[in-house]
Protein backbone atom coordinates (compact mmCIF):
# COMPACT_ATOMS: atom_id res chain seq x y z
CA MET A 1 103.11 4.28 198.78
CA THR A 2 99.44 3.88 199.23
CA LYS A 3 97.44 0.88 198.20
CA ASP A 4 95.89 2.85 195.35
CA ASP A 5 99.31 3.95 194.10
CA MET A 6 100.49 0.34 194.17
CA SER A 7 97.44 -0.80 192.24
CA ASP A 8 97.88 1.97 189.70
CA MET A 9 101.57 1.11 189.21
CA ILE A 10 100.79 -2.61 188.74
CA GLY A 11 98.11 -1.70 186.22
CA LYS A 12 100.54 0.44 184.23
CA ILE A 13 103.23 -2.24 184.33
CA THR A 14 100.73 -4.89 183.21
CA GLU A 15 99.47 -2.67 180.41
CA SER A 16 103.07 -1.98 179.30
CA VAL A 17 103.91 -5.69 179.30
CA LEU A 18 100.74 -6.53 177.37
CA HIS A 19 101.53 -3.78 174.90
CA GLN A 20 105.01 -5.19 174.36
CA ILE A 21 103.59 -8.70 173.96
CA ARG A 22 100.99 -7.46 171.48
CA LYS A 23 103.66 -5.54 169.60
CA GLY A 24 105.89 -8.62 169.47
CA ILE A 25 103.04 -10.81 168.31
CA THR A 26 102.06 -8.23 165.66
CA ILE A 27 105.64 -8.10 164.38
CA GLU A 28 105.82 -11.91 164.22
CA PHE A 29 102.46 -12.09 162.44
CA GLN A 30 103.66 -9.45 159.98
CA LYS A 31 106.81 -11.45 159.30
CA ILE A 32 104.76 -14.61 158.78
CA GLU A 33 102.32 -12.72 156.53
CA ASP A 34 105.19 -11.27 154.50
CA LYS A 35 106.70 -14.72 154.08
CA LEU A 36 103.33 -16.14 153.03
CA GLU A 37 102.85 -13.32 150.52
CA ASP A 38 106.31 -14.01 149.09
CA LYS A 39 105.51 -17.70 148.81
CA LEU A 40 102.13 -16.99 147.26
CA GLU A 41 103.74 -14.64 144.74
CA LYS A 42 106.30 -17.33 143.87
CA ILE A 43 103.55 -19.95 143.58
CA ALA A 44 101.49 -17.60 141.40
CA SER A 45 104.54 -16.93 139.24
CA GLN A 46 105.31 -20.64 138.97
CA ASN A 47 101.65 -21.31 138.21
CA ASN A 48 101.74 -18.76 135.38
CA VAL A 49 104.84 -20.45 134.01
CA LEU A 50 103.12 -23.84 134.22
CA ILE A 51 100.01 -22.45 132.53
CA LYS A 52 102.14 -21.08 129.68
CA LYS A 53 104.01 -24.38 129.40
CA ASN A 54 100.71 -26.25 129.42
CA GLU A 55 99.39 -24.02 126.63
CA GLN A 56 102.60 -24.59 124.67
CA LEU A 57 102.31 -28.36 125.17
CA LYS A 58 98.65 -28.29 124.09
CA LYS A 59 99.65 -26.44 120.94
CA GLN A 60 102.47 -28.90 120.29
CA VAL A 61 100.07 -31.84 120.79
CA SER A 62 97.53 -30.18 118.49
CA ASP A 63 100.22 -29.60 115.86
CA LEU A 64 101.41 -33.20 116.19
CA ASN A 65 97.84 -34.51 115.89
CA PHE A 66 97.33 -32.44 112.76
CA LYS A 67 100.62 -33.68 111.30
CA LEU A 68 99.70 -37.26 112.24
CA TYR A 69 96.27 -36.88 110.62
CA ASP A 70 97.86 -35.32 107.55
CA CYS A 71 100.42 -38.14 107.44
CA ASN A 72 97.71 -40.80 107.82
CA GLU A 73 95.67 -39.21 105.04
CA GLY A 74 98.79 -39.11 102.87
CA VAL A 75 99.47 -42.79 103.55
CA LYS A 76 95.85 -43.69 102.80
CA GLU A 77 95.92 -41.74 99.55
CA SER A 78 99.18 -43.41 98.55
CA LEU A 79 97.65 -46.83 99.26
CA ARG A 80 94.53 -45.92 97.27
CA ILE A 81 96.60 -44.80 94.29
CA SER A 82 98.91 -47.80 94.55
CA ASN A 83 95.97 -50.20 94.73
CA TYR A 84 94.21 -48.53 91.80
CA ASN A 85 97.38 -48.57 89.68
CA GLU A 86 97.92 -52.23 90.47
CA GLN A 87 94.29 -53.02 89.65
CA TYR A 88 94.45 -50.99 86.45
CA SER A 89 97.53 -52.94 85.37
CA ARG A 90 95.34 -56.07 85.69
CA LYS A 91 92.41 -54.56 83.81
CA THR A 92 92.63 -57.02 80.90
CA ASN A 93 93.69 -59.98 83.05
CA LEU A 94 91.71 -63.15 83.65
CA LYS A 95 92.41 -65.84 86.21
CA PHE A 96 91.66 -69.47 85.32
CA LEU A 97 91.55 -72.35 87.80
CA ASN A 98 91.86 -76.12 87.41
CA ILE A 99 93.79 -76.07 84.13
CA LYS A 100 96.16 -79.03 84.13
CA CYS A 101 99.37 -78.27 82.29
CA GLY A 102 102.40 -80.42 81.59
CA GLU A 103 105.94 -79.08 81.91
CA ASN A 104 106.46 -78.70 78.17
CA MET A 105 102.91 -77.66 77.36
CA CYS A 106 102.32 -74.31 75.62
CA LEU A 107 99.94 -72.42 77.90
CA ALA A 108 98.77 -70.14 75.10
CA ASP A 109 97.75 -73.09 72.92
CA LYS A 110 96.07 -74.75 75.90
CA ILE A 111 94.00 -71.70 76.83
CA ILE A 112 93.02 -71.07 73.20
CA GLU A 113 91.80 -74.65 72.93
CA ILE A 114 89.85 -74.45 76.21
CA ILE A 115 88.14 -71.18 75.23
CA LYS A 116 87.24 -72.65 71.85
CA ASP A 117 85.70 -75.75 73.46
CA VAL A 118 83.86 -73.92 76.23
CA SER A 119 82.34 -71.41 73.78
CA ASN A 120 81.35 -74.19 71.38
CA ASN A 121 83.45 -72.56 68.65
CA GLU A 122 81.52 -69.29 69.05
CA PHE A 123 84.60 -67.34 70.10
CA LYS A 124 88.16 -67.78 68.92
CA LEU A 125 91.10 -66.36 70.85
CA ASN A 126 94.14 -65.75 68.67
CA LYS A 127 97.73 -65.83 69.88
CA SER A 128 98.05 -62.23 68.74
CA ASP A 129 95.32 -61.35 71.29
CA ILE A 130 97.49 -62.61 74.14
CA ILE A 131 99.89 -60.16 75.81
CA ALA A 132 101.08 -62.58 78.49
CA ILE A 133 100.17 -65.86 80.14
CA HIS A 134 101.75 -67.49 83.17
CA PRO A 135 100.96 -69.71 86.18
CA LEU A 136 100.77 -68.39 89.74
CA GLN A 137 102.12 -70.03 92.85
CA SER A 138 99.51 -72.29 94.42
CA LYS A 139 98.80 -72.83 98.12
CA TYR A 140 97.83 -76.41 97.38
CA ALA A 141 100.40 -78.88 96.06
CA ASN A 142 97.71 -81.29 94.86
CA LYS A 143 95.87 -78.69 92.74
CA PRO A 144 96.79 -77.11 89.38
CA LYS A 145 98.33 -73.66 89.60
CA PRO A 146 96.04 -70.74 88.72
CA ILE A 147 96.71 -69.31 85.25
CA ILE A 148 96.81 -65.58 84.57
CA LEU A 149 95.92 -64.52 81.03
CA LYS A 150 96.47 -60.92 79.88
CA VAL A 151 94.73 -60.02 76.62
CA LYS A 152 95.07 -56.96 74.39
CA ASN A 153 91.93 -55.12 75.40
CA THR A 154 88.78 -55.22 77.53
CA GLU A 155 86.61 -56.16 74.55
CA ILE A 156 88.43 -59.48 74.19
CA LYS A 157 88.24 -59.99 77.94
CA GLU A 158 84.49 -59.33 78.04
CA ASN A 159 83.94 -61.68 75.10
CA ILE A 160 85.60 -64.44 77.12
CA MET A 161 83.68 -63.53 80.29
CA LYS A 162 80.40 -63.97 78.39
CA TYR A 163 81.02 -67.69 78.77
CA ARG A 164 81.78 -67.50 82.47
CA LYS A 165 78.88 -69.79 83.39
CA SER A 166 80.04 -72.34 80.81
CA PHE A 167 83.56 -72.22 82.28
CA PHE A 168 82.15 -72.94 85.74
CA ASN A 169 80.05 -75.78 84.36
CA SER A 170 83.21 -77.17 82.78
CA ASP A 171 84.93 -77.01 86.20
CA ILE A 172 87.32 -74.35 84.91
CA PRO A 173 86.28 -71.25 86.88
CA VAL A 174 87.36 -67.92 85.41
CA TYR A 175 87.62 -64.71 87.42
CA HIS A 176 88.71 -61.12 87.13
CA ASP A 177 92.27 -60.71 88.37
CA VAL A 178 91.47 -58.65 91.47
CA THR A 179 94.10 -57.20 93.82
CA LYS A 180 94.31 -58.61 97.35
CA LYS A 181 93.20 -55.27 98.85
CA ASN A 182 90.10 -55.20 96.66
CA MET A 183 89.35 -58.85 97.40
CA ASP A 184 89.65 -58.16 101.14
CA LEU A 185 87.38 -55.13 100.74
CA ILE A 186 84.73 -57.19 98.92
CA LYS A 187 84.91 -59.95 101.56
CA HIS A 188 84.53 -57.39 104.34
CA LEU A 189 81.58 -55.70 102.63
CA LYS A 190 79.82 -59.05 102.27
CA THR A 191 80.01 -59.60 106.04
CA GLN A 192 77.96 -56.45 106.71
CA SER A 193 74.29 -57.19 107.42
CA TYR A 194 73.02 -54.06 105.62
CA ILE A 195 74.79 -54.90 102.34
CA ALA A 196 72.93 -57.04 99.83
CA SER A 197 75.83 -57.57 97.44
CA ALA A 198 79.40 -56.49 96.70
CA TRP A 199 81.42 -57.10 93.55
CA TYR A 200 84.29 -56.02 91.33
CA TYR A 201 83.86 -54.35 87.95
CA ASN A 202 86.23 -52.42 85.71
CA CYS A 203 88.95 -51.68 88.29
CA HIS A 204 86.52 -50.71 91.06
CA VAL A 205 84.56 -52.30 93.91
CA TYR A 206 80.81 -51.76 94.14
CA ALA A 207 78.17 -52.52 96.76
CA LYS A 208 74.48 -51.97 97.34
CA THR A 209 71.68 -52.60 99.80
CA ASP A 210 68.23 -53.85 98.87
CA GLY A 211 66.34 -51.19 96.95
CA ARG A 212 69.29 -48.82 96.47
CA HIS A 213 71.55 -47.93 93.60
CA LYS A 214 75.02 -49.42 93.44
CA VAL A 215 77.77 -47.34 95.04
CA LYS A 216 81.46 -47.36 94.20
CA ILE A 217 83.50 -48.13 97.31
CA ASP A 218 87.16 -47.30 97.71
CA LEU A 219 89.69 -48.29 100.34
CA PHE A 220 89.17 -46.44 103.65
CA ASP A 221 85.73 -45.13 102.64
CA ASP A 222 83.07 -44.82 105.32
CA PHE A 223 81.07 -47.29 103.26
CA GLU A 224 78.21 -47.61 105.75
CA SER A 225 77.45 -43.90 105.43
CA LYS A 226 78.14 -43.91 101.69
CA ILE A 227 75.76 -46.79 101.00
CA LYS A 228 73.01 -45.63 103.36
CA HIS A 229 72.97 -42.20 101.67
CA ALA A 230 72.78 -43.70 98.19
CA PRO A 231 69.55 -42.85 96.32
CA SER A 232 66.82 -45.47 96.23
CA ASP A 233 65.94 -47.32 93.05
């Protein structure tokens, strides 16, 4: 065997070995690629499932938020109605302070006498005008209990309220019988810098800023927006 033949044979053997190595590597790469494709397909499939689940969860959250909003609005409306009904039931009520009463004293006679004195005999309250009269529980043991007077109609009530200043001057303040929710609303309105005044009248709460018309305010109203959009005087 000549030197050239030997060289040619070595070249062929080397080429054959390299071919086998390349073939083996190609097969291994193909296997790895196939495995990666399978994994990627599984990941893509799982991702699609997760996307669908995420969309379902978003819809569920959206539905729950809507139901929660609807529920909150329902609760607010129930509270509004309840508060209005309670206030309406007190429409002809008056609350008197600092009236000293003995255990056996007739409250009706006492209040009739006080109204007569304070009005300088200008207005007379009859027993038939009184629907109910009773003391409330007091926070202060050393002060007389507030007295609630319910009269037959708003005309009688307004006739008594005409002498409100005289009652205050006599150290017997008289007030509308306002619900706690409405009182809290009025107190809150009065803390706002843009509100000039807030008050109760005829079962409703009102407020205004300087130079604007009065606006009726209800529980849960966006009163800042409501008042600021009120027409000017």
